[in-house]
Amino acid sequence: MDLTSKTCTPCQGGVEPMSRPEAEGMLGEVPGWELVRDATRLERTFRFRNFVEANRFVDSVGELAEAEGHHPDITFGWGYATVQIWTHKIGGLHENDFIFAAKTNALAG
């Protein structure tokens, strides 16, 4: 099933984060993303032609975050936005993070 057709499910904690091999196995589903912080987070930097486009993208990611109930860390400036995703309650990666990454890719076009 395509990750963009799934919805992030609330994480109550008490769930083990994905192992590095599990996370590496899912990376193919989210082109452009990389594992960072010892494979406990996903990160991608998106490039834009100017500040306005970067800001619009960040706004759309914020709307997605509210709709999915899953909130990334975002830094941006002129021509770029870096998104970092992980499931805070478990201190690592969960399928939700890959769902959110796939939907973020779709927003970028």
N, C-alpha and C. Protein backbone atom coordinates (compact mmCIF):
# COMPACT_ATOMS: atom_id res chain seq x y z
N MET A 1 0.84 -1.19 0.00
CA MET A 1 0.00 0.00 0.00
C MET A 1 0.89 1.25 0.00
N ASP A 2 0.53 2.22 -0.82
CA ASP A 2 1.23 3.48 -0.92
C ASP A 2 1.14 4.22 0.42
N LEU A 3 2.27 4.70 0.92
CA LEU A 3 2.28 5.38 2.22
C LEU A 3 1.41 6.63 2.24
N THR A 4 1.26 7.32 1.10
CA THR A 4 0.47 8.54 1.10
C THR A 4 -1.02 8.26 1.29
N SER A 5 -1.44 7.02 1.11
CA SER A 5 -2.85 6.69 1.32
C SER A 5 -3.13 6.28 2.76
N LYS A 6 -2.09 6.20 3.57
CA LYS A 6 -2.26 5.85 4.98
C LYS A 6 -2.37 7.12 5.82
N THR A 7 -2.83 6.95 7.04
CA THR A 7 -2.95 8.06 7.98
C THR A 7 -2.09 7.75 9.20
N CYS A 8 -1.43 8.78 9.71
CA CYS A 8 -0.65 8.59 10.94
C CYS A 8 -1.61 8.22 12.08
N THR A 9 -1.21 7.23 12.86
CA THR A 9 -2.02 6.81 13.99
C THR A 9 -1.39 7.34 15.28
N PRO A 10 -2.19 7.74 16.23
CA PRO A 10 -1.63 8.27 17.48
C PRO A 10 -0.73 7.25 18.15
N CYS A 11 0.42 7.72 18.60
CA CYS A 11 1.35 6.84 19.30
C CYS A 11 1.27 7.14 20.79
N GLN A 12 0.96 6.12 21.55
CA GLN A 12 0.81 6.28 22.99
C GLN A 12 2.10 6.00 23.74
N GLY A 13 3.17 5.71 23.04
CA GLY A 13 4.41 5.34 23.69
C GLY A 13 4.38 3.87 24.03
N GLY A 14 5.43 3.39 24.66
CA GLY A 14 5.51 1.99 25.03
C GLY A 14 5.76 1.06 23.85
N VAL A 15 6.00 1.63 22.67
CA VAL A 15 6.28 0.87 21.46
C VAL A 15 7.76 1.03 21.17
N GLU A 16 8.40 -0.03 20.78
CA GLU A 16 9.81 0.05 20.43
C GLU A 16 9.98 0.80 19.11
N PRO A 17 10.97 1.69 19.02
CA PRO A 17 11.24 2.32 17.73
C PRO A 17 11.78 1.30 16.74
N MET A 18 11.70 1.65 15.47
CA MET A 18 12.24 0.78 14.42
C MET A 18 13.74 0.59 14.62
N SER A 19 14.19 -0.58 14.27
CA SER A 19 15.63 -0.84 14.26
C SER A 19 16.21 -0.18 13.01
N ARG A 20 17.52 -0.04 12.99
CA ARG A 20 18.18 0.52 11.81
C ARG A 20 17.84 -0.29 10.55
N PRO A 21 17.93 -1.63 10.58
CA PRO A 21 17.59 -2.39 9.37
C PRO A 21 16.14 -2.17 8.92
N GLU A 22 15.20 -2.08 9.85
CA GLU A 22 13.80 -1.81 9.48
C GLU A 22 13.68 -0.45 8.81
N ALA A 23 14.32 0.56 9.40
CA ALA A 23 14.26 1.91 8.85
C ALA A 23 14.94 1.97 7.48
N GLU A 24 16.08 1.32 7.36
CA GLU A 24 16.77 1.29 6.07
C GLU A 24 15.91 0.63 5.01
N GLY A 25 15.16 -0.39 5.41
CA GLY A 25 14.27 -1.08 4.49
C GLY A 25 13.13 -0.22 3.98
N MET A 26 12.74 0.78 4.76
CA MET A 26 11.63 1.66 4.36
C MET A 26 12.09 2.90 3.61
N LEU A 27 13.38 3.18 3.61
CA LEU A 27 13.88 4.39 2.95
C LEU A 27 13.52 4.47 1.47
N GLY A 28 13.43 3.33 0.81
CA GLY A 28 13.06 3.32 -0.60
C GLY A 28 11.67 3.87 -0.86
N GLU A 29 10.84 3.88 0.17
CA GLU A 29 9.46 4.39 0.05
C GLU A 29 9.42 5.92 0.10
N VAL A 30 10.52 6.54 0.55
CA VAL A 30 10.53 8.00 0.72
C VAL A 30 11.79 8.59 0.08
N PRO A 31 11.80 8.70 -1.25
CA PRO A 31 12.97 9.21 -1.96
C PRO A 31 13.41 10.58 -1.43
N GLY A 32 14.73 10.74 -1.31
CA GLY A 32 15.29 12.01 -0.91
C GLY A 32 15.54 12.14 0.58
N TRP A 33 14.95 11.27 1.38
CA TRP A 33 15.12 11.32 2.83
C TRP A 33 16.33 10.50 3.23
N GLU A 34 16.93 10.87 4.35
CA GLU A 34 18.04 10.10 4.89
C GLU A 34 17.84 9.86 6.38
N LEU A 35 18.46 8.83 6.86
CA LEU A 35 18.45 8.53 8.28
C LEU A 35 19.55 9.35 8.95
N VAL A 36 19.21 9.99 10.06
CA VAL A 36 20.18 10.77 10.82
C VAL A 36 20.06 10.42 12.30
N ARG A 37 21.01 10.90 13.06
CA ARG A 37 21.05 10.66 14.51
C ARG A 37 20.96 9.17 14.84
N ASP A 38 21.89 8.44 14.29
CA ASP A 38 21.98 6.99 14.53
C ASP A 38 20.69 6.26 14.13
N ALA A 39 20.11 6.67 13.01
CA ALA A 39 18.90 6.06 12.44
C ALA A 39 17.69 6.20 13.34
N THR A 40 17.63 7.31 14.10
CA THR A 40 16.45 7.55 14.94
C THR A 40 15.57 8.66 14.38
N ARG A 41 16.01 9.29 13.29
CA ARG A 41 15.24 10.37 12.67
C ARG A 41 15.40 10.33 11.16
N LEU A 42 14.40 10.90 10.50
CA LEU A 42 14.44 11.10 9.05
C LEU A 42 14.67 12.58 8.80
N GLU A 43 15.43 12.90 7.75
CA GLU A 43 15.67 14.30 7.43
C GLU A 43 15.79 14.48 5.93
N ARG A 44 15.25 15.61 5.47
CA ARG A 44 15.39 15.97 4.06
C ARG A 44 15.39 17.48 3.94
N THR A 45 16.26 17.98 3.07
CA THR A 45 16.27 19.40 2.75
C THR A 45 15.66 19.57 1.36
N PHE A 46 14.64 20.39 1.29
CA PHE A 46 13.96 20.71 0.05
C PHE A 46 14.48 22.05 -0.45
N ARG A 47 14.68 22.18 -1.76
CA ARG A 47 15.21 23.41 -2.36
C ARG A 47 14.11 24.14 -3.14
N PHE A 48 14.15 25.47 -3.07
CA PHE A 48 13.16 26.31 -3.73
C PHE A 48 13.85 27.48 -4.41
N ARG A 49 13.12 28.16 -5.27
CA ARG A 49 13.71 29.27 -6.02
C ARG A 49 13.89 30.54 -5.19
N ASN A 50 13.14 30.64 -4.08
CA ASN A 50 13.23 31.86 -3.28
C ASN A 50 12.62 31.64 -1.89
N PHE A 51 12.62 32.68 -1.10
CA PHE A 51 12.10 32.60 0.26
C PHE A 51 10.59 32.35 0.28
N VAL A 52 9.87 33.02 -0.61
CA VAL A 52 8.41 32.89 -0.63
C VAL A 52 7.99 31.45 -0.88
N GLU A 53 8.62 30.78 -1.84
CA GLU A 53 8.29 29.38 -2.11
C GLU A 53 8.62 28.49 -0.92
N ALA A 54 9.74 28.74 -0.28
CA ALA A 54 10.11 27.95 0.91
C ALA A 54 9.08 28.17 2.01
N ASN A 55 8.67 29.40 2.21
CA ASN A 55 7.69 29.70 3.24
C ASN A 55 6.34 29.05 2.95
N ARG A 56 5.92 29.08 1.71
CA ARG A 56 4.65 28.41 1.34
C ARG A 56 4.72 26.92 1.63
N PHE A 57 5.85 26.32 1.29
CA PHE A 57 6.03 24.89 1.56
C PHE A 57 5.96 24.62 3.06
N VAL A 58 6.64 25.41 3.86
CA VAL A 58 6.62 25.24 5.31
C VAL A 58 5.18 25.37 5.83
N ASP A 59 4.44 26.34 5.32
CA ASP A 59 3.04 26.48 5.73
C ASP A 59 2.23 25.23 5.39
N SER A 60 2.46 24.67 4.21
CA SER A 60 1.71 23.48 3.82
C SER A 60 2.11 22.27 4.67
N VAL A 61 3.39 22.16 5.04
CA VAL A 61 3.82 21.08 5.92
C VAL A 61 3.18 21.26 7.30
N GLY A 62 3.07 22.49 7.76
CA GLY A 62 2.41 22.76 9.03
C GLY A 62 0.95 22.35 9.02
N GLU A 63 0.26 22.61 7.92
CA GLU A 63 -1.14 22.18 7.79
C GLU A 63 -1.24 20.66 7.79
N LEU A 64 -0.32 20.00 7.09
CA LEU A 64 -0.29 18.54 7.08
C LEU A 64 -0.04 18.01 8.50
N ALA A 65 0.87 18.63 9.21
CA ALA A 65 1.20 18.20 10.57
C ALA A 65 -0.04 18.26 11.47
N GLU A 66 -0.79 19.31 11.37
CA GLU A 66 -2.00 19.44 12.18
C GLU A 66 -3.05 18.39 11.77
N ALA A 67 -3.20 18.17 10.48
CA ALA A 67 -4.18 17.19 9.99
C ALA A 67 -3.81 15.77 10.42
N GLU A 68 -2.51 15.46 10.42
CA GLU A 68 -2.04 14.12 10.76
C GLU A 68 -1.78 13.93 12.25
N GLY A 69 -1.72 15.04 12.99
CA GLY A 69 -1.39 14.95 14.41
C GLY A 69 0.04 14.46 14.63
N HIS A 70 0.92 14.83 13.71
CA HIS A 70 2.32 14.37 13.74
C HIS A 70 3.18 15.57 13.35
N HIS A 71 4.02 16.03 14.25
CA HIS A 71 4.67 17.32 14.08
C HIS A 71 6.19 17.22 13.93
N PRO A 72 6.71 17.63 12.76
CA PRO A 72 8.15 17.59 12.51
C PRO A 72 8.84 18.85 13.05
N ASP A 73 10.14 18.82 13.04
CA ASP A 73 10.94 20.02 13.24
C ASP A 73 11.27 20.55 11.85
N ILE A 74 11.11 21.86 11.68
CA ILE A 74 11.35 22.48 10.37
C ILE A 74 12.23 23.70 10.57
N THR A 75 13.27 23.80 9.75
CA THR A 75 14.05 25.03 9.67
C THR A 75 14.03 25.46 8.21
N PHE A 76 13.96 26.77 7.98
CA PHE A 76 13.94 27.22 6.60
C PHE A 76 14.51 28.62 6.48
N GLY A 77 14.85 28.95 5.26
CA GLY A 77 15.37 30.26 4.93
C GLY A 77 15.25 30.46 3.43
N TRP A 78 16.02 31.37 2.89
CA TRP A 78 15.94 31.67 1.48
C TRP A 78 16.30 30.44 0.66
N GLY A 79 15.30 29.89 -0.03
CA GLY A 79 15.52 28.81 -0.97
C GLY A 79 15.61 27.40 -0.41
N TYR A 80 15.34 27.22 0.87
CA TYR A 80 15.41 25.86 1.42
C TYR A 80 14.48 25.68 2.60
N ALA A 81 14.14 24.43 2.86
CA ALA A 81 13.42 24.03 4.07
C ALA A 81 13.92 22.64 4.43
N THR A 82 14.36 22.48 5.67
CA THR A 82 14.82 21.18 6.15
C THR A 82 13.78 20.66 7.13
N VAL A 83 13.33 19.45 6.86
CA VAL A 83 12.30 18.82 7.70
C VAL A 83 12.94 17.61 8.38
N GLN A 84 12.74 17.51 9.68
CA GLN A 84 13.24 16.37 10.45
C GLN A 84 12.06 15.75 11.19
N ILE A 85 11.95 14.43 11.05
CA ILE A 85 10.79 13.70 11.58
C ILE A 85 11.26 12.55 12.47
N TRP A 86 10.58 12.39 13.58
CA TRP A 86 10.72 11.20 14.43
C TRP A 86 9.54 11.18 15.37
N THR A 87 9.31 10.06 15.98
CA THR A 87 8.20 9.94 16.94
C THR A 87 8.76 10.22 18.32
N HIS A 88 8.42 11.38 18.83
CA HIS A 88 8.97 11.86 20.09
C HIS A 88 8.71 10.90 21.25
N LYS A 89 7.52 10.35 21.32
CA LYS A 89 7.16 9.49 22.46
C LYS A 89 7.98 8.23 22.57
N ILE A 90 8.55 7.78 21.45
CA ILE A 90 9.36 6.57 21.51
C ILE A 90 10.84 6.85 21.24
N GLY A 91 11.16 8.11 20.98
CA GLY A 91 12.55 8.49 20.77
C GLY A 91 13.20 7.88 19.55
N GLY A 92 12.39 7.61 18.53
CA GLY A 92 12.93 7.01 17.32
C GLY A 92 11.89 6.99 16.23
N LEU A 93 12.08 6.09 15.28
CA LEU A 93 11.21 6.03 14.10
C LEU A 93 10.12 4.99 14.22
N HIS A 94 9.00 5.32 13.60
CA HIS A 94 7.79 4.49 13.55
C HIS A 94 7.25 4.61 12.12
N GLU A 95 6.39 3.73 11.72
CA GLU A 95 5.80 3.83 10.38
C GLU A 95 5.19 5.21 10.14
N ASN A 96 4.62 5.83 11.17
CA ASN A 96 4.04 7.18 11.03
C ASN A 96 5.03 8.17 10.42
N ASP A 97 6.28 8.05 10.80
CA ASP A 97 7.28 8.98 10.30
C ASP A 97 7.47 8.83 8.79
N PHE A 98 7.42 7.61 8.31
CA PHE A 98 7.56 7.37 6.87
C PHE A 98 6.30 7.80 6.13
N ILE A 99 5.15 7.64 6.75
CA ILE A 99 3.90 8.15 6.16
C ILE A 99 3.99 9.66 5.99
N PHE A 100 4.43 10.33 7.05
CA PHE A 100 4.54 11.78 7.01
C PHE A 100 5.58 12.23 5.98
N ALA A 101 6.69 11.53 5.90
CA ALA A 101 7.72 11.86 4.91
C ALA A 101 7.17 11.71 3.49
N ALA A 102 6.43 10.65 3.22
CA ALA A 102 5.86 10.43 1.88
C ALA A 102 4.87 11.55 1.54
N LYS A 103 4.06 11.94 2.50
CA LYS A 103 3.10 13.02 2.25
C LYS A 103 3.80 14.36 2.08
N THR A 104 4.90 14.55 2.79
CA THR A 104 5.67 15.79 2.63
C THR A 104 6.29 15.82 1.23
N ASN A 105 6.80 14.69 0.76
CA ASN A 105 7.31 14.63 -0.62
C ASN A 105 6.23 15.02 -1.61
N ALA A 106 5.01 14.54 -1.40
CA ALA A 106 3.92 14.85 -2.32
C ALA A 106 3.63 16.36 -2.33
N LEU A 107 3.77 17.01 -1.19
CA LEU A 107 3.55 18.46 -1.14
C LEU A 107 4.59 19.22 -1.96
N ALA A 108 5.79 18.69 -1.98
CA ALA A 108 6.88 19.36 -2.70
C ALA A 108 6.76 19.19 -4.21
N GLY A 109 5.92 18.22 -4.61
CA GLY A 109 5.68 18.02 -6.03
C GLY A 109 6.63 17.17 -6.71
